[in-house]
Protein backbone atom coordinates (compact mmCIF):
# COMPACT_ATOMS: atom_id res chain seq x y z
CA MET A 1 -16.76 16.36 23.71
CA ILE A 2 -15.76 14.41 20.61
CA ARG A 3 -13.16 11.67 21.02
CA ILE A 4 -11.03 10.02 18.35
CA VAL A 5 -10.33 6.28 18.27
CA THR A 6 -7.97 4.35 16.02
CA ASP A 7 -6.07 1.05 15.95
CA SER A 8 -2.44 0.29 16.72
CA SER A 9 -1.42 0.02 13.07
CA CYS A 10 -1.41 3.85 12.99
CA ASP A 11 2.15 4.06 14.39
CA ILE A 12 1.43 7.38 16.11
CA PRO A 13 4.04 8.00 18.83
CA ALA A 14 2.58 7.44 22.29
CA ASP A 15 3.29 10.99 23.46
CA ILE A 16 1.33 12.47 20.55
CA SER A 17 -1.62 10.13 21.17
CA SER A 18 -1.62 11.11 24.83
CA ASP A 19 -1.38 14.85 24.17
CA LEU A 20 -4.26 14.77 21.66
CA GLY A 21 -6.46 12.38 23.67
CA ILE A 22 -6.40 9.72 20.95
CA THR A 23 -7.53 6.26 22.05
CA VAL A 24 -5.71 3.35 20.39
CA VAL A 25 -7.31 -0.10 20.25
CA PRO A 26 -4.54 -2.68 19.76
CA LEU A 27 -4.33 -5.45 17.22
CA THR A 28 -2.90 -8.85 18.15
CA ILE A 29 0.38 -10.08 16.65
CA ARG A 30 1.18 -13.77 16.36
CA PHE A 31 4.65 -15.24 16.04
CA GLY A 32 4.04 -18.95 15.61
CA ASP A 33 2.10 -20.14 18.66
CA GLU A 34 2.77 -16.96 20.64
CA GLU A 35 0.31 -14.06 20.71
CA PHE A 36 1.04 -10.51 21.82
CA ILE A 37 -1.10 -7.39 22.20
CA ASP A 38 0.47 -4.87 19.88
CA LYS A 39 2.36 -2.02 21.60
CA VAL A 40 1.26 -3.40 24.99
CA GLU A 41 2.90 -6.81 25.29
CA LEU A 42 5.18 -6.34 22.29
CA SER A 43 7.02 -3.09 21.63
CA THR A 44 8.05 -1.99 18.15
CA GLU A 45 11.68 -2.81 18.94
CA GLN A 46 10.73 -6.27 20.18
CA PHE A 47 8.67 -6.81 17.03
CA TRP A 48 11.66 -6.08 14.80
CA ASP A 49 13.92 -8.26 16.93
CA ARG A 50 11.59 -11.21 16.46
CA LEU A 51 11.02 -10.54 12.78
CA MET A 52 14.73 -10.31 11.97
CA SER A 53 15.70 -13.38 14.00
CA GLY A 54 12.85 -15.69 12.98
CA ASP A 55 12.29 -17.78 9.87
CA GLY A 56 8.58 -17.16 9.41
CA LEU A 57 6.43 -14.08 9.16
CA PRO A 58 4.15 -12.72 11.88
CA GLU A 59 0.37 -12.65 11.50
CA THR A 60 -1.99 -10.03 12.82
CA ALA A 61 -5.52 -10.35 14.16
CA ALA A 62 -8.03 -7.53 14.30
CA PRO A 63 -9.40 -6.35 17.64
CA SER A 64 -12.72 -7.92 18.52
CA ALA A 65 -15.99 -6.02 18.29
CA GLY A 66 -16.13 -6.41 22.08
CA ALA A 67 -12.86 -4.52 22.46
CA PHE A 68 -14.39 -1.61 20.57
CA VAL A 69 -17.59 -1.77 22.64
CA GLU A 70 -15.53 -1.55 25.84
CA THR A 71 -13.65 1.43 24.40
CA TYR A 72 -16.82 3.29 23.37
CA GLU A 73 -18.47 2.68 26.74
CA ARG A 74 -15.40 3.88 28.63
CA LEU A 75 -15.24 7.05 26.55
CA ALA A 76 -18.95 7.66 27.18
CA ASP A 77 -18.31 7.31 30.91
CA GLU A 78 -15.53 9.88 30.56
CA GLY A 79 -17.98 12.37 29.05
CA ALA A 80 -17.69 11.81 25.31
CA THR A 81 -20.78 12.91 23.38
CA GLY A 82 -19.58 11.37 20.13
CA VAL A 83 -16.75 9.26 18.75
CA LEU A 84 -15.02 9.13 15.39
CA VAL A 85 -13.17 5.90 14.67
CA LEU A 86 -10.51 5.83 11.95
CA THR A 87 -9.22 2.37 11.05
CA LEU A 88 -6.61 0.92 8.76
CA SER A 89 -7.84 0.00 5.31
CA SER A 90 -10.68 -2.52 5.31
CA ASP A 91 -8.91 -4.26 2.41
CA LEU A 92 -6.11 -5.22 4.79
CA SER A 93 -7.88 -6.11 8.00
CA ALA A 94 -11.21 -6.92 9.64
CA THR A 95 -10.59 -4.09 12.12
CA HIS A 96 -12.98 -1.72 10.33
CA GLN A 97 -15.77 -4.31 10.43
CA ALA A 98 -15.18 -4.94 14.15
CA ALA A 99 -15.36 -1.21 14.85
CA VAL A 100 -18.65 -0.94 12.93
CA ILE A 101 -20.20 -3.92 14.74
CA GLY A 102 -19.11 -2.48 18.06
CA ALA A 103 -20.67 0.88 17.21
CA GLU A 104 -24.03 -0.80 16.63
CA LYS A 105 -24.03 -2.18 20.18
CA VAL A 106 -23.73 1.09 22.10
CA GLY A 107 -26.01 4.07 22.61
CA LEU A 108 -23.24 6.59 22.00
CA ASP A 109 -23.06 8.33 18.61
CA VAL A 110 -20.14 6.58 16.90
CA LYS A 111 -19.02 7.12 13.32
CA VAL A 112 -16.52 4.70 11.74
CA LEU A 113 -14.38 5.78 8.80
CA ASP A 114 -12.13 3.63 6.62
CA SER A 115 -8.83 5.49 6.19
CA ARG A 116 -7.92 3.44 3.09
CA SER A 117 -4.37 3.55 4.42
CA VAL A 118 -2.13 2.17 7.15
CA SER A 119 0.77 3.15 9.41
CA MET A 120 1.32 6.93 9.39
CA GLY A 121 -0.91 7.23 6.34
CA LEU A 122 -3.64 6.43 8.87
CA GLY A 123 -1.82 8.22 11.66
CA LEU A 124 -1.77 11.59 9.93
CA GLN A 125 -5.53 11.37 9.35
CA VAL A 126 -6.08 10.53 13.02
CA ILE A 127 -3.91 13.42 14.21
CA ALA A 128 -5.76 15.89 11.96
CA ALA A 129 -9.12 14.63 13.24
CA ALA A 130 -8.02 14.91 16.87
CA GLU A 131 -6.77 18.45 16.33
CA HIS A 132 -10.09 19.40 14.73
CA ALA A 133 -12.05 17.80 17.56
CA ALA A 134 -9.98 19.82 20.05
CA THR A 135 -11.34 23.06 18.53
CA GLY A 136 -14.82 22.19 19.83
CA ALA A 137 -16.21 21.04 16.46
CA ASN A 138 -19.21 18.74 16.59
CA LEU A 139 -19.11 15.13 15.38
CA ASP A 140 -20.50 15.83 11.90
CA GLU A 141 -17.91 18.55 11.36
CA VAL A 142 -15.06 16.32 12.51
CA VAL A 143 -16.29 13.49 10.28
CA SER A 144 -16.59 15.76 7.24
CA SER A 145 -13.07 17.06 7.78
CA ALA A 146 -11.72 13.51 8.20
CA ILE A 147 -13.40 12.34 4.99
CA ALA A 148 -11.70 15.18 3.13
CA HIS A 149 -8.32 13.95 4.39
CA VAL A 150 -8.75 10.35 3.18
CA ASP A 151 -7.96 11.06 -0.47
CA GLY A 152 -5.27 13.58 0.39
CA VAL A 153 -2.89 11.13 2.05
CA ARG A 154 -0.06 9.54 0.10
CA LEU A 155 2.05 6.74 1.52
CA VAL A 156 5.25 5.65 -0.24
CA ALA A 157 7.82 3.16 1.03
CA ALA A 158 11.09 1.70 -0.24
CA LEU A 159 11.97 -1.84 0.78
CA ASP A 160 15.65 -2.25 1.59
CA THR A 161 15.43 -6.03 1.28
CA ILE A 162 13.26 -8.47 -0.63
CA GLU A 163 13.82 -11.15 2.05
CA PHE A 164 10.37 -10.76 3.58
CA LEU A 165 8.67 -10.80 0.16
CA LYS A 166 10.41 -14.12 -0.39
CA ARG A 167 9.31 -15.46 3.00
CA GLY A 168 5.74 -14.39 2.33
CA GLY A 169 5.67 -16.19 -1.01
CA ARG A 170 5.31 -13.00 -3.03
CA ILE A 171 8.54 -13.64 -4.90
CA GLY A 172 10.14 -16.99 -5.76
CA GLY A 173 13.58 -18.12 -4.64
CA ALA A 174 15.19 -17.73 -8.06
CA ALA A 175 13.65 -14.29 -8.60
CA ALA A 176 14.72 -13.28 -5.09
CA LEU A 177 18.28 -14.38 -5.83
CA VAL A 178 18.40 -12.32 -9.02
CA ALA A 179 16.82 -9.33 -7.30
CA GLY A 180 19.35 -9.61 -4.49
CA LEU A 181 22.29 -9.80 -6.89
CA LEU A 182 21.02 -6.75 -8.75
CA ASP A 183 20.33 -4.93 -5.47
CA ILE A 184 16.75 -4.22 -6.53
CA LYS A 185 14.69 -2.12 -4.10
CA PRO A 186 10.91 -2.36 -4.59
CA ILE A 187 8.86 0.83 -4.09
CA ILE A 188 5.36 0.33 -2.71
CA THR A 189 2.39 2.57 -2.06
CA MET A 190 -1.27 2.45 -1.03
CA ARG A 191 -3.69 2.58 -3.94
CA ASP A 192 -7.48 2.25 -3.52
CA GLY A 193 -6.97 0.92 0.00
CA ALA A 194 -4.55 -1.85 -0.97
CA ILE A 195 -0.78 -2.20 -1.08
CA ASP A 196 0.47 -1.81 -4.64
CA GLY A 197 3.77 -1.61 -6.44
CA ALA A 198 5.00 1.84 -7.42
CA GLY A 199 8.16 0.81 -9.22
CA ARG A 200 11.57 -0.55 -8.42
CA VAL A 201 15.04 0.89 -8.44
CA ARG A 202 18.55 -0.47 -8.27
CA THR A 203 20.68 0.43 -5.26
CA ARG A 204 19.72 1.85 -1.93
CA SER A 205 20.82 5.36 -2.86
CA LYS A 206 18.29 5.47 -5.70
CA ALA A 207 15.59 4.24 -3.34
CA VAL A 208 16.41 7.10 -0.97
CA GLU A 209 16.30 9.54 -3.89
CA HIS A 210 12.83 8.25 -4.79
CA ILE A 211 11.53 8.79 -1.25
CA VAL A 212 13.07 12.26 -1.03
CA ALA A 213 11.51 13.21 -4.37
CA ALA A 214 8.09 11.99 -3.18
CA CYS A 215 8.41 14.17 -0.09
CA VAL A 216 9.48 17.22 -2.12
CA GLU A 217 6.50 16.68 -4.43
CA LEU A 218 4.22 17.07 -1.42
CA GLY A 219 5.21 20.73 -1.15
CA PRO A 220 5.73 22.90 1.92
CA SER A 221 2.06 23.21 2.87
CA GLY A 222 1.28 19.54 3.45
CA ARG A 223 1.90 17.54 6.62
CA LEU A 224 4.76 15.08 6.37
CA SER A 225 5.83 12.07 8.40
CA VAL A 226 9.03 10.11 7.72
CA PHE A 227 9.57 6.76 9.40
CA GLY A 228 11.87 3.82 8.99
CA ALA A 229 12.27 0.25 10.19
CA ARG A 230 15.84 0.13 11.42
CA THR A 231 16.91 2.00 8.31
CA PRO A 232 20.68 2.56 8.10
CA GLY A 233 21.49 6.27 8.04
CA PHE A 234 17.90 7.18 8.87
CA GLU A 235 18.73 10.45 10.63
CA GLU A 236 20.72 11.63 7.61
CA ILE A 237 17.77 10.80 5.35
CA VAL A 238 15.42 12.78 7.60
CA GLN A 239 17.80 15.75 7.58
CA ARG A 240 17.99 15.63 3.81
CA ILE A 241 14.22 15.58 3.48
CA SER A 242 13.88 18.43 5.98
CA ALA A 243 16.41 20.55 4.10
CA GLN A 244 14.71 20.01 0.75
CA THR A 245 11.09 20.37 1.91
CA GLY A 246 11.31 22.94 4.71
CA HIS A 247 9.50 20.56 7.09
CA ASP A 248 10.84 20.14 10.62
């Protein structure tokens, strides 16, 4: 039995993780002097509440190698004969390194793969790997399939506000003021495992048009996930994308 492990940055809904037998190792989130285990001690809604009400930005800490060792050993006890671990991009976190170090400390056959992505860019790779593992494929087959998915994932996001870029020091106060007055919406993507700019548009409606166009470009055969962080009119956006792409 091959089991799939990932980290909590994947944003896979809990019911899907449970149904597919995906094991999620949580990161730690820090708000000032307070630490929380992601998705365990701090829900997504609570995260956004704190982010929107606070002045600073949260920090994340990768799981320890020991946390991965405990996970691998538990899965072995449950009958796993091999484990594939898919982590968020190693350019963004030490999670991948911790997973690799943990794999070296157990007797179980564990393969660790860098997704070169994050959020549902990682999540879609994890879901595909879990579905393949469920067919009875061996570890090498699941790994080969997962590697093929790494370059096939595209993640695009539109930022509705530049406030958090300002807080993080990525844009100065004067530039932020001008951007706010012009209603500029940055578009970001993942490129070579790192977050990169993919353009900028003026007005929220143009940002939505950009995201819809990116989804349409994917075509009807690909797998699509649409997610938002308290996005106004999110359901209408999802319906628009569904109507134009044919995806449910």
